[in-house]
C-alpha atoms as a PDB file:
ATOM      1  CA  MET A   1     -35.719  -4.796  16.974  1.00  0.00           C
ATOM      2  CA  GLY A   2     -33.341  -1.851  16.888  1.00  0.00           C
ATOM      3  CA  THR A   3     -33.754   1.217  19.005  1.00  0.00           C
ATOM      4  CA  PHE A   4     -34.817   4.372  17.194  1.00  0.00           C
ATOM      5  CA  VAL A   5     -32.517   7.246  18.036  1.00  0.00           C
ATOM      6  CA  SER A   6     -33.575  10.745  17.131  1.00  0.00           C
ATOM      7  CA  ARG A   7     -30.655  12.899  16.069  1.00  0.00           C
ATOM      8  CA  SER A   8     -30.770  16.647  16.298  1.00  0.00           C
ATOM      9  CA  ALA A   9     -29.134  18.876  13.718  1.00  0.00           C
ATOM     10  CA  LEU A  10     -26.425  19.711  16.270  1.00  0.00           C
ATOM     11  CA  HIS A  11     -25.754  16.019  16.924  1.00  0.00           C
ATOM     12  CA  GLU A  12     -25.493  15.369  13.183  1.00  0.00           C
ATOM     13  CA  ARG A  13     -22.985  18.207  12.794  1.00  0.00           C
ATOM     14  CA  LYS A  14     -20.893  16.932  15.728  1.00  0.00           C
ATOM     15  CA  ARG A  15     -20.958  13.441  14.215  1.00  0.00           C
ATOM     16  CA  ALA A  16     -19.875  14.802  10.824  1.00  0.00           C
ATOM     17  CA  VAL A  17     -16.992  16.664  12.477  1.00  0.00           C
ATOM     18  CA  ALA A  18     -15.881  13.564  14.428  1.00  0.00           C
ATOM     19  CA  LYS A  19     -16.037  11.368  11.305  1.00  0.00           C
ATOM     20  CA  THR A  20     -14.139  13.977   9.329  1.00  0.00           C
ATOM     21  CA  LEU A  21     -11.357  14.319  11.892  1.00  0.00           C
ATOM     22  CA  CYS A  22     -10.870  10.570  12.300  1.00  0.00           C
ATOM     23  CA  TYR A  23     -10.785   9.958   8.574  1.00  0.00           C
ATOM     24  CA  ARG A  24      -8.505  12.889   7.834  1.00  0.00           C
ATOM     25  CA  THR A  25      -6.035  11.808  10.552  1.00  0.00           C
ATOM     26  CA  LEU A  26      -5.665   8.477   8.789  1.00  0.00           C
ATOM     27  CA  MET A  27      -5.327  10.220   5.429  1.00  0.00           C
ATOM     28  CA  VAL A  28      -2.615  12.575   6.747  1.00  0.00           C
ATOM     29  CA  ALA A  29      -0.544   9.569   7.802  1.00  0.00           C
ATOM     30  CA  ILE A  30      -0.986   7.888   4.414  1.00  0.00           C
ATOM     31  CA  THR A  31      -0.215  11.088   2.486  1.00  0.00           C
ATOM     32  CA  VAL A  32       2.928  11.754   4.531  1.00  0.00           C
ATOM     33  CA  LEU A  33       4.179   8.210   3.953  1.00  0.00           C
ATOM     34  CA  VAL A  34       3.553   8.399   0.206  1.00  0.00           C
ATOM     35  CA  ALA A  35       5.077  11.880  -0.060  1.00  0.00           C
ATOM     36  CA  TRP A  36       8.118  10.718   1.904  1.00  0.00           C
ATOM     37  CA  ALA A  37       8.557   7.786  -0.473  1.00  0.00           C
ATOM     38  CA  VAL A  38       8.340  10.146  -3.460  1.00  0.00           C
ATOM     39  CA  VAL A  39      10.378  13.164  -2.290  1.00  0.00           C
ATOM     40  CA  GLY A  40      12.682  11.389   0.168  1.00  0.00           C
ATOM     41  CA  ASN A  41      12.505  14.207   2.731  1.00  0.00           C
ATOM     42  CA  VAL A  42      10.488  13.883   5.941  1.00  0.00           C
ATOM     43  CA  SER A  43      10.031  17.639   6.444  1.00  0.00           C
ATOM     44  CA  ASP A  44       8.727  18.160   2.912  1.00  0.00           C
ATOM     45  CA  ALA A  45       6.512  15.084   3.255  1.00  0.00           C
ATOM     46  CA  VAL A  46       4.942  16.414   6.465  1.00  0.00           C
ATOM     47  CA  ASN A  47       4.307  19.814   4.844  1.00  0.00           C
ATOM     48  CA  ILE A  48       2.707  18.165   1.811  1.00  0.00           C
ATOM     49  CA  GLY A  49       0.608  15.916   4.055  1.00  0.00           C
ATOM     50  CA  LEU A  50      -0.636  18.738   6.258  1.00  0.00           C
ATOM     51  CA  VAL A  51      -1.455  21.261   3.533  1.00  0.00           C
ATOM     52  CA  THR A  52      -3.250  18.828   1.242  1.00  0.00           C
ATOM     53  CA  ASN A  53      -5.243  17.375   4.105  1.00  0.00           C
ATOM     54  CA  VAL A  54      -6.373  20.731   5.493  1.00  0.00           C
ATOM     55  CA  VAL A  55      -7.866  21.434   2.063  1.00  0.00           C
ATOM     56  CA  LYS A  56      -9.350  17.941   1.835  1.00  0.00           C
ATOM     57  CA  THR A  57     -10.836  18.162   5.343  1.00  0.00           C
ATOM     58  CA  ALA A  58     -12.700  21.356   4.526  1.00  0.00           C
ATOM     59  CA  THR A  59     -13.869  19.842   1.246  1.00  0.00           C
ATOM     60  CA  TYR A  60     -15.098  16.643   2.902  1.00  0.00           C
ATOM     61  CA  TYR A  61     -16.978  18.502   5.656  1.00  0.00           C
ATOM     62  CA  THR A  62     -18.681  20.727   3.086  1.00  0.00           C
ATOM     63  CA  TYR A  63     -19.579  17.673   1.005  1.00  0.00           C
ATOM     64  CA  GLU A  64     -21.118  15.934   4.053  1.00  0.00           C
ATOM     65  CA  ARG A  65     -23.123  19.041   4.933  1.00  0.00           C
ATOM     66  CA  LEU A  66     -24.415  19.338   1.362  1.00  0.00           C
ATOM     67  CA  TRP A  67     -25.596  15.721   1.489  1.00  0.00           C
ATOM     68  CA  ASP A  68     -27.628  16.624   4.601  1.00  0.00           C
ATOM     69  CA  HIS A  69     -29.871  18.570   2.215  1.00  0.00           C
ATOM     70  CA  VAL A  70     -30.397  15.652  -0.176  1.00  0.00           C
ATOM     71  CA  SER A  71     -33.492  13.633   0.642  1.00  0.00           C
ATOM     72  CA  TRP A  72     -32.706  10.750  -1.743  1.00  0.00           C
ATOM     73  CA  GLY A  73     -32.411   7.477   0.174  1.00  0.00           C
ATOM     74  CA  VAL A  74     -33.587   8.910   3.488  1.00  0.00           C
ATOM     75  CA  VAL A  75     -36.569   7.248   5.159  1.00  0.00           C
ATOM     76  CA  THR A  76     -38.699   9.569   7.273  1.00  0.00           C
ATOM     77  CA  GLY A  77     -40.813   8.482  10.196  1.00  0.00           C
ATOM     78  CA  ALA A  78     -40.458   5.412  12.360  1.00  0.00           C
END
């Protein structure tokens, strides 16, 4: 039997932020490598990677928060 862990809204937000930051860090590295392969300039590749991923990070966090309001697939009670 698994242990039931009650998560507060604050805990869920912290978890969403941690997941977002870990994922986006990986995506920055991938974007920079791809951009470098395409443009051939490390400085430009880093700028492309950072700007696109700042936008994507905000988008992902907002998307996660919106899903917190969707009850589909969520089982209530233990």
